[in-house]
């Protein structure tokens, strides 16, 4: 038994503190991004619902969709359930799906090498390098 030696993973206190601070910042960034995405989804749902009512959607604000959903629930907006659901679906898809698709597209294309248009005939140096001459 080594009494004088430190036990555990061997990390110093400053590296553990730095790790936990980085983890806390990452968690905070994810929470802020999720809250921003929800706010954007709510505004987009309000935008699409007001536009489906043939009213200028730029005056929708954040409260148009929740107010319409409560009015539909109370029975004051008969036959508007599909419009409410469609507006909510479009809002969530645009707020969360479009950035995720853009990030996926960027990451997918970043590691890909060119395949089409980069082909050429081998010259004599290439043939010698391959050991065929």
N, C-alpha and C. Protein backbone atom coordinates (compact mmCIF):
# COMPACT_ATOMS: atom_id res chain seq x y z
N UNK A 1 0.84 -1.17 0.00
CA UNK A 1 0.00 0.00 0.00
C UNK A 1 0.89 1.23 0.00
N UNK A 2 0.65 2.14 -0.90
CA UNK A 2 1.42 3.38 -1.02
C UNK A 2 0.67 4.50 -0.34
N UNK A 3 1.13 4.88 0.81
CA UNK A 3 0.42 5.89 1.58
C UNK A 3 0.70 7.29 1.04
N UNK A 4 1.87 7.52 0.54
CA UNK A 4 2.24 8.87 0.11
C UNK A 4 1.77 9.23 -1.28
N UNK A 5 1.31 8.28 -2.06
CA UNK A 5 0.93 8.55 -3.45
C UNK A 5 -0.56 8.91 -3.54
N UNK A 6 -0.86 9.73 -4.52
CA UNK A 6 -2.26 10.13 -4.74
C UNK A 6 -3.02 8.97 -5.37
N UNK A 7 -4.25 8.82 -4.99
CA UNK A 7 -5.08 7.77 -5.55
C UNK A 7 -6.03 8.35 -6.58
N UNK A 8 -6.66 7.52 -7.34
CA UNK A 8 -7.63 7.98 -8.33
C UNK A 8 -7.07 7.93 -9.73
N UNK A 9 -7.55 8.81 -10.55
CA UNK A 9 -7.19 8.79 -11.97
C UNK A 9 -5.87 9.46 -12.24
N UNK A 10 -5.31 10.16 -11.30
CA UNK A 10 -4.05 10.83 -11.52
C UNK A 10 -4.20 12.23 -12.07
N UNK A 11 -5.39 12.73 -12.20
CA UNK A 11 -5.59 14.09 -12.67
C UNK A 11 -5.36 15.07 -11.54
N UNK A 12 -4.87 16.21 -11.90
CA UNK A 12 -4.70 17.24 -10.89
C UNK A 12 -6.03 17.95 -10.64
N UNK A 13 -6.07 18.70 -9.58
CA UNK A 13 -7.32 19.39 -9.23
C UNK A 13 -7.68 20.44 -10.27
N UNK A 14 -6.69 21.09 -10.86
CA UNK A 14 -6.99 22.13 -11.85
C UNK A 14 -7.54 21.52 -13.14
N UNK A 15 -7.04 20.35 -13.54
CA UNK A 15 -7.58 19.73 -14.76
C UNK A 15 -8.99 19.23 -14.53
N UNK A 16 -9.31 18.73 -13.33
CA UNK A 16 -10.67 18.31 -13.02
C UNK A 16 -11.60 19.51 -12.99
N UNK A 17 -11.13 20.61 -12.44
CA UNK A 17 -11.94 21.82 -12.40
C UNK A 17 -12.19 22.35 -13.81
N UNK A 18 -11.16 22.30 -14.64
CA UNK A 18 -11.30 22.75 -16.02
C UNK A 18 -12.28 21.86 -16.78
N UNK A 19 -12.23 20.55 -16.55
CA UNK A 19 -13.15 19.61 -17.19
C UNK A 19 -14.59 19.91 -16.78
N UNK A 20 -14.83 20.12 -15.51
CA UNK A 20 -16.19 20.38 -15.04
C UNK A 20 -16.69 21.75 -15.51
N UNK A 21 -15.80 22.73 -15.59
CA UNK A 21 -16.20 24.04 -16.10
C UNK A 21 -16.58 23.94 -17.58
N UNK A 22 -15.79 23.17 -18.34
CA UNK A 22 -16.10 22.99 -19.76
C UNK A 22 -17.42 22.24 -19.94
N UNK A 23 -17.66 21.24 -19.12
CA UNK A 23 -18.91 20.50 -19.18
C UNK A 23 -20.10 21.39 -18.81
N UNK A 24 -19.93 22.26 -17.81
CA UNK A 24 -21.00 23.18 -17.43
C UNK A 24 -21.27 24.18 -18.56
N UNK A 25 -20.22 24.69 -19.21
CA UNK A 25 -20.41 25.62 -20.32
C UNK A 25 -21.10 24.95 -21.50
N UNK A 26 -20.74 23.70 -21.77
CA UNK A 26 -21.39 22.97 -22.86
C UNK A 26 -22.86 22.73 -22.55
N UNK A 27 -23.17 22.39 -21.31
CA UNK A 27 -24.56 22.20 -20.91
C UNK A 27 -25.34 23.50 -21.03
N UNK A 28 -24.75 24.60 -20.60
CA UNK A 28 -25.40 25.89 -20.71
C UNK A 28 -25.64 26.27 -22.17
N UNK A 29 -24.65 26.00 -23.04
CA UNK A 29 -24.81 26.32 -24.46
C UNK A 29 -25.94 25.50 -25.08
N UNK A 30 -26.05 24.23 -24.72
CA UNK A 30 -27.12 23.38 -25.25
C UNK A 30 -28.48 23.88 -24.76
N UNK A 31 -28.55 24.28 -23.49
CA UNK A 31 -29.83 24.77 -22.96
C UNK A 31 -30.23 26.09 -23.61
N UNK A 32 -29.27 26.98 -23.85
CA UNK A 32 -29.58 28.25 -24.51
C UNK A 32 -30.02 28.00 -25.95
N UNK A 33 -29.35 27.07 -26.64
CA UNK A 33 -29.74 26.75 -28.01
C UNK A 33 -31.14 26.13 -28.05
N UNK A 34 -31.46 25.27 -27.10
CA UNK A 34 -32.79 24.67 -27.06
C UNK A 34 -33.87 25.71 -26.76
N UNK A 35 -33.58 26.62 -25.84
CA UNK A 35 -34.56 27.68 -25.53
C UNK A 35 -34.75 28.60 -26.73
N UNK A 36 -33.66 28.94 -27.41
CA UNK A 36 -33.78 29.76 -28.61
C UNK A 36 -34.54 29.05 -29.71
N UNK A 37 -34.30 27.74 -29.86
CA UNK A 37 -35.03 26.97 -30.87
C UNK A 37 -36.52 26.90 -30.55
N UNK A 38 -36.86 26.75 -29.28
CA UNK A 38 -38.27 26.72 -28.90
C UNK A 38 -38.95 28.07 -29.14
N UNK A 39 -38.23 29.15 -28.83
CA UNK A 39 -38.80 30.48 -29.09
C UNK A 39 -39.00 30.70 -30.59
N UNK A 40 -38.02 30.29 -31.38
CA UNK A 40 -38.15 30.42 -32.83
C UNK A 40 -39.29 29.54 -33.36
N UNK A 41 -39.42 28.33 -32.83
CA UNK A 41 -40.51 27.44 -33.26
C UNK A 41 -41.87 28.04 -32.92
N UNK A 42 -41.98 28.65 -31.75
CA UNK A 42 -43.24 29.28 -31.36
C UNK A 42 -43.57 30.46 -32.27
N UNK A 43 -42.57 31.28 -32.59
CA UNK A 43 -42.83 32.41 -33.49
C UNK A 43 -43.20 31.91 -34.89
N UNK A 44 -42.49 30.89 -35.37
CA UNK A 44 -42.81 30.36 -36.70
C UNK A 44 -44.20 29.74 -36.74
N UNK A 45 -44.58 29.04 -35.66
CA UNK A 45 -45.93 28.47 -35.61
C UNK A 45 -46.97 29.58 -35.63
N UNK A 46 -46.73 30.66 -34.89
CA UNK A 46 -47.65 31.79 -34.92
C UNK A 46 -47.69 32.42 -36.31
N UNK A 47 -46.53 32.55 -36.93
CA UNK A 47 -46.43 33.12 -38.28
C UNK A 47 -47.25 32.31 -39.27
N UNK A 48 -47.06 30.98 -39.27
CA UNK A 48 -47.78 30.14 -40.23
C UNK A 48 -49.28 30.09 -39.94
N UNK A 49 -49.66 30.08 -38.67
CA UNK A 49 -51.09 30.04 -38.37
C UNK A 49 -51.78 31.33 -38.80
N UNK A 50 -51.16 32.46 -38.52
CA UNK A 50 -51.76 33.74 -38.92
C UNK A 50 -51.79 33.85 -40.45
N UNK A 51 -50.75 33.36 -41.12
CA UNK A 51 -50.75 33.38 -42.58
C UNK A 51 -51.84 32.49 -43.15
N UNK A 52 -52.13 31.37 -42.47
CA UNK A 52 -53.20 30.49 -42.96
C UNK A 52 -54.58 31.13 -42.78
N UNK A 53 -54.69 32.14 -41.94
CA UNK A 53 -55.95 32.87 -41.75
C UNK A 53 -56.09 34.03 -42.73
N UNK A 54 -55.14 34.17 -43.65
CA UNK A 54 -55.12 35.22 -44.67
C UNK A 54 -55.03 36.61 -44.03
N UNK A 55 -54.17 36.70 -43.02
CA UNK A 55 -53.87 37.96 -42.35
C UNK A 55 -52.37 38.18 -42.48
N UNK A 56 -51.93 39.42 -42.39
CA UNK A 56 -50.51 39.71 -42.49
C UNK A 56 -49.75 38.99 -41.37
N UNK A 57 -48.90 38.02 -41.70
CA UNK A 57 -48.26 37.22 -40.65
C UNK A 57 -47.14 37.95 -39.92
N UNK A 58 -46.69 39.09 -40.43
CA UNK A 58 -45.62 39.82 -39.75
C UNK A 58 -46.08 40.45 -38.45
N UNK A 59 -47.38 40.53 -38.25
CA UNK A 59 -47.93 41.08 -37.01
C UNK A 59 -48.32 39.98 -36.02
N UNK A 60 -47.84 38.77 -36.24
CA UNK A 60 -48.28 37.64 -35.43
C UNK A 60 -47.76 37.71 -34.01
N UNK A 61 -46.48 37.89 -33.81
CA UNK A 61 -45.91 37.88 -32.47
C UNK A 61 -45.81 36.47 -31.93
N UNK A 62 -45.44 36.36 -30.66
CA UNK A 62 -45.24 35.05 -30.04
C UNK A 62 -46.53 34.47 -29.48
N UNK A 63 -47.53 35.26 -29.24
CA UNK A 63 -48.73 34.79 -28.56
C UNK A 63 -49.85 34.34 -29.48
N UNK A 64 -49.70 34.47 -30.77
CA UNK A 64 -50.80 34.14 -31.68
C UNK A 64 -51.11 32.65 -31.67
N UNK A 65 -50.11 31.80 -31.74
CA UNK A 65 -50.37 30.37 -31.78
C UNK A 65 -50.91 29.85 -30.44
N UNK A 66 -50.29 30.20 -29.29
CA UNK A 66 -50.88 29.70 -28.03
C UNK A 66 -52.29 30.22 -27.78
N UNK A 67 -52.56 31.47 -28.14
CA UNK A 67 -53.92 31.99 -27.97
C UNK A 67 -54.91 31.24 -28.86
N UNK A 68 -54.51 30.96 -30.09
CA UNK A 68 -55.39 30.22 -31.00
C UNK A 68 -55.58 28.79 -30.51
N UNK A 69 -54.54 28.17 -29.96
CA UNK A 69 -54.68 26.81 -29.44
C UNK A 69 -55.64 26.78 -28.25
N UNK A 70 -55.56 27.76 -27.38
CA UNK A 70 -56.49 27.82 -26.25
C UNK A 70 -57.92 28.09 -26.72
N UNK A 71 -58.06 28.95 -27.73
CA UNK A 71 -59.39 29.23 -28.26
C UNK A 71 -59.96 27.98 -28.94
N UNK A 72 -59.13 27.22 -29.64
CA UNK A 72 -59.60 25.99 -30.26
C UNK A 72 -60.02 24.98 -29.20
N UNK A 73 -59.24 24.91 -28.13
CA UNK A 73 -59.56 23.98 -27.04
C UNK A 73 -60.88 24.35 -26.37
N UNK A 74 -61.15 25.65 -26.28
CA UNK A 74 -62.41 26.09 -25.67
C UNK A 74 -63.59 25.99 -26.62
N UNK A 75 -63.36 25.67 -27.87
CA UNK A 75 -64.44 25.51 -28.83
C UNK A 75 -64.76 26.78 -29.61
N UNK A 76 -63.93 27.81 -29.50
CA UNK A 76 -64.21 29.05 -30.21
C UNK A 76 -63.66 29.07 -31.62
N UNK A 77 -62.77 28.15 -31.97
CA UNK A 77 -62.22 28.05 -33.33
C UNK A 77 -62.57 26.68 -33.91
N UNK A 78 -63.77 26.54 -34.35
CA UNK A 78 -64.22 25.27 -34.91
C UNK A 78 -63.53 25.01 -36.24
N UNK A 79 -63.03 23.80 -36.44
CA UNK A 79 -62.43 23.42 -37.71
C UNK A 79 -61.04 23.97 -37.95
N UNK A 80 -60.35 24.47 -36.95
CA UNK A 80 -59.02 25.04 -37.13
C UNK A 80 -57.93 24.15 -36.54
N UNK A 81 -58.28 22.96 -36.10
CA UNK A 81 -57.31 22.07 -35.46
C UNK A 81 -56.18 21.65 -36.38
N UNK A 82 -56.51 21.35 -37.63
CA UNK A 82 -55.47 20.95 -38.58
C UNK A 82 -54.52 22.10 -38.89
N UNK A 83 -55.06 23.28 -38.99
CA UNK A 83 -54.20 24.44 -39.24
C UNK A 83 -53.26 24.69 -38.06
N UNK A 84 -53.79 24.53 -36.85
CA UNK A 84 -52.95 24.70 -35.66
C UNK A 84 -51.85 23.64 -35.62
N UNK A 85 -52.21 22.39 -35.87
CA UNK A 85 -51.22 21.32 -35.84
C UNK A 85 -50.20 21.48 -36.97
N UNK A 86 -50.66 21.85 -38.14
CA UNK A 86 -49.74 22.06 -39.26
C UNK A 86 -48.78 23.21 -39.01
N UNK A 87 -49.29 24.29 -38.44
CA UNK A 87 -48.43 25.43 -38.14
C UNK A 87 -47.38 25.05 -37.10
N UNK A 88 -47.79 24.28 -36.09
CA UNK A 88 -46.83 23.84 -35.07
C UNK A 88 -45.78 22.91 -35.67
N UNK A 89 -46.22 22.01 -36.54
CA UNK A 89 -45.29 21.09 -37.17
C UNK A 89 -44.28 21.83 -38.05
N UNK A 90 -44.76 22.76 -38.87
CA UNK A 90 -43.85 23.53 -39.71
C UNK A 90 -42.89 24.36 -38.88
N UNK A 91 -43.38 24.94 -37.80
CA UNK A 91 -42.52 25.74 -36.93
C UNK A 91 -41.41 24.92 -36.31
N UNK A 92 -41.74 23.74 -35.80
CA UNK A 92 -40.72 22.89 -35.17
C UNK A 92 -39.75 22.35 -36.22
N UNK A 93 -40.27 21.95 -37.38
CA UNK A 93 -39.38 21.43 -38.42
C UNK A 93 -38.40 22.50 -38.91
N UNK A 94 -38.88 23.71 -39.08
CA UNK A 94 -37.98 24.76 -39.54
C UNK A 94 -37.01 25.21 -38.45
N UNK A 95 -37.46 25.27 -37.21
CA UNK A 95 -36.60 25.75 -36.14
C UNK A 95 -35.51 24.75 -35.77
N UNK A 96 -35.84 23.46 -35.80
CA UNK A 96 -34.86 22.46 -35.39
C UNK A 96 -34.35 21.62 -36.55
N UNK A 97 -35.18 21.36 -37.53
CA UNK A 97 -34.77 20.50 -38.64
C UNK A 97 -33.83 21.17 -39.62
N UNK A 98 -34.10 22.42 -39.94
CA UNK A 98 -33.25 23.11 -40.93
C UNK A 98 -31.82 23.30 -40.43
N UNK A 99 -31.58 23.76 -39.19
CA UNK A 99 -30.19 23.83 -38.72
C UNK A 99 -29.52 22.47 -38.61
N UNK A 100 -30.26 21.45 -38.21
CA UNK A 100 -29.67 20.11 -38.12
C UNK A 100 -29.31 19.59 -39.50
N UNK A 101 -30.17 19.83 -40.48
CA UNK A 101 -29.87 19.40 -41.85
C UNK A 101 -28.68 20.17 -42.42
N UNK A 102 -28.60 21.46 -42.14
CA UNK A 102 -27.46 22.25 -42.61
C UNK A 102 -26.15 21.77 -41.98
N UNK A 103 -26.17 21.48 -40.69
CA UNK A 103 -24.98 20.98 -40.02
C UNK A 103 -24.58 19.62 -40.56
N UNK A 104 -25.55 18.74 -40.77
CA UNK A 104 -25.26 17.43 -41.35
C UNK A 104 -24.65 17.57 -42.74
N UNK A 105 -25.18 18.46 -43.55
CA UNK A 105 -24.67 18.66 -44.90
C UNK A 105 -23.24 19.18 -44.88
N UNK A 106 -22.96 20.12 -43.99
CA UNK A 106 -21.60 20.65 -43.88
C UNK A 106 -20.62 19.58 -43.41
N UNK A 107 -21.01 18.80 -42.43
CA UNK A 107 -20.11 17.77 -41.92
C UNK A 107 -19.94 16.62 -42.91
N UNK A 108 -20.96 16.32 -43.66
CA UNK A 108 -20.89 15.24 -44.64
C UNK A 108 -19.96 15.61 -45.79
N UNK A 109 -20.01 16.86 -46.23
CA UNK A 109 -19.20 17.26 -47.38
C UNK A 109 -17.78 17.63 -47.00
N UNK A 110 -17.50 17.89 -45.72
CA UNK A 110 -16.17 18.34 -45.35
C UNK A 110 -15.14 17.23 -45.45
N UNK A 111 -15.52 15.99 -45.19
CA UNK A 111 -14.56 14.91 -45.22
C UNK A 111 -14.54 14.13 -46.52
N UNK A 112 -15.27 14.56 -47.48
CA UNK A 112 -15.39 13.83 -48.73
C UNK A 112 -14.36 14.34 -49.75
N UNK A 113 -13.69 13.41 -50.39
CA UNK A 113 -12.75 13.82 -51.43
C UNK A 113 -13.47 13.90 -52.76
N UNK A 114 -12.87 14.62 -53.67
CA UNK A 114 -13.49 14.79 -54.98
C UNK A 114 -13.41 13.49 -55.76
N UNK A 115 -14.51 13.11 -56.38
CA UNK A 115 -14.52 11.90 -57.18
C UNK A 115 -14.71 12.19 -58.66
N UNK A 116 -15.64 13.06 -58.97
CA UNK A 116 -15.95 13.33 -60.36
C UNK A 116 -15.19 14.56 -60.83
N UNK A 117 -14.59 14.44 -61.99
CA UNK A 117 -13.84 15.56 -62.54
C UNK A 117 -12.40 15.60 -62.09
N UNK A 118 -11.97 14.70 -61.20
CA UNK A 118 -10.58 14.72 -60.76
C UNK A 118 -9.77 13.60 -61.41
N UNK A 119 -10.39 12.81 -62.28
CA UNK A 119 -9.67 11.72 -62.94
C UNK A 119 -8.78 12.28 -64.05
N UNK A 120 -7.64 11.62 -64.25
CA UNK A 120 -6.72 12.03 -65.33
C UNK A 120 -5.95 10.81 -65.77
N UNK A 121 -5.33 10.90 -66.94
CA UNK A 121 -4.51 9.81 -67.44
C UNK A 121 -3.17 9.86 -66.72
N UNK A 122 -2.61 8.71 -66.46
CA UNK A 122 -1.32 8.63 -65.80
C UNK A 122 -0.22 9.01 -66.77
N UNK A 123 0.72 9.79 -66.28
CA UNK A 123 1.88 10.10 -67.11
C UNK A 123 3.00 9.12 -66.75
N UNK A 124 4.15 9.31 -67.36
CA UNK A 124 5.24 8.35 -67.16
C UNK A 124 5.73 8.33 -65.72
N UNK A 125 5.73 9.47 -65.05
CA UNK A 125 6.17 9.52 -63.66
C UNK A 125 5.23 8.73 -62.74
N UNK A 126 3.95 8.81 -63.01
CA UNK A 126 2.99 8.04 -62.22
C UNK A 126 3.18 6.54 -62.42
N UNK A 127 3.46 6.14 -63.65
CA UNK A 127 3.65 4.73 -63.96
C UNK A 127 4.93 4.21 -63.30
N UNK A 128 5.99 5.01 -63.31
CA UNK A 128 7.25 4.62 -62.65
C UNK A 128 7.06 4.56 -61.14
N UNK A 129 6.32 5.50 -60.58
CA UNK A 129 6.04 5.52 -59.14
C UNK A 129 5.26 4.29 -58.71
N UNK A 130 4.39 3.79 -59.57
CA UNK A 130 3.60 2.60 -59.26
C UNK A 130 4.42 1.31 -59.46
N UNK A 131 5.63 1.43 -60.03
CA UNK A 131 6.48 0.26 -60.23
C UNK A 131 6.11 -0.58 -61.42
N UNK A 132 5.40 0.00 -62.36
CA UNK A 132 4.98 -0.75 -63.53
C UNK A 132 5.99 -0.67 -64.67
N UNK A 133 6.97 0.21 -64.61
CA UNK A 133 8.02 0.31 -65.63
C UNK A 133 9.37 0.05 -65.03
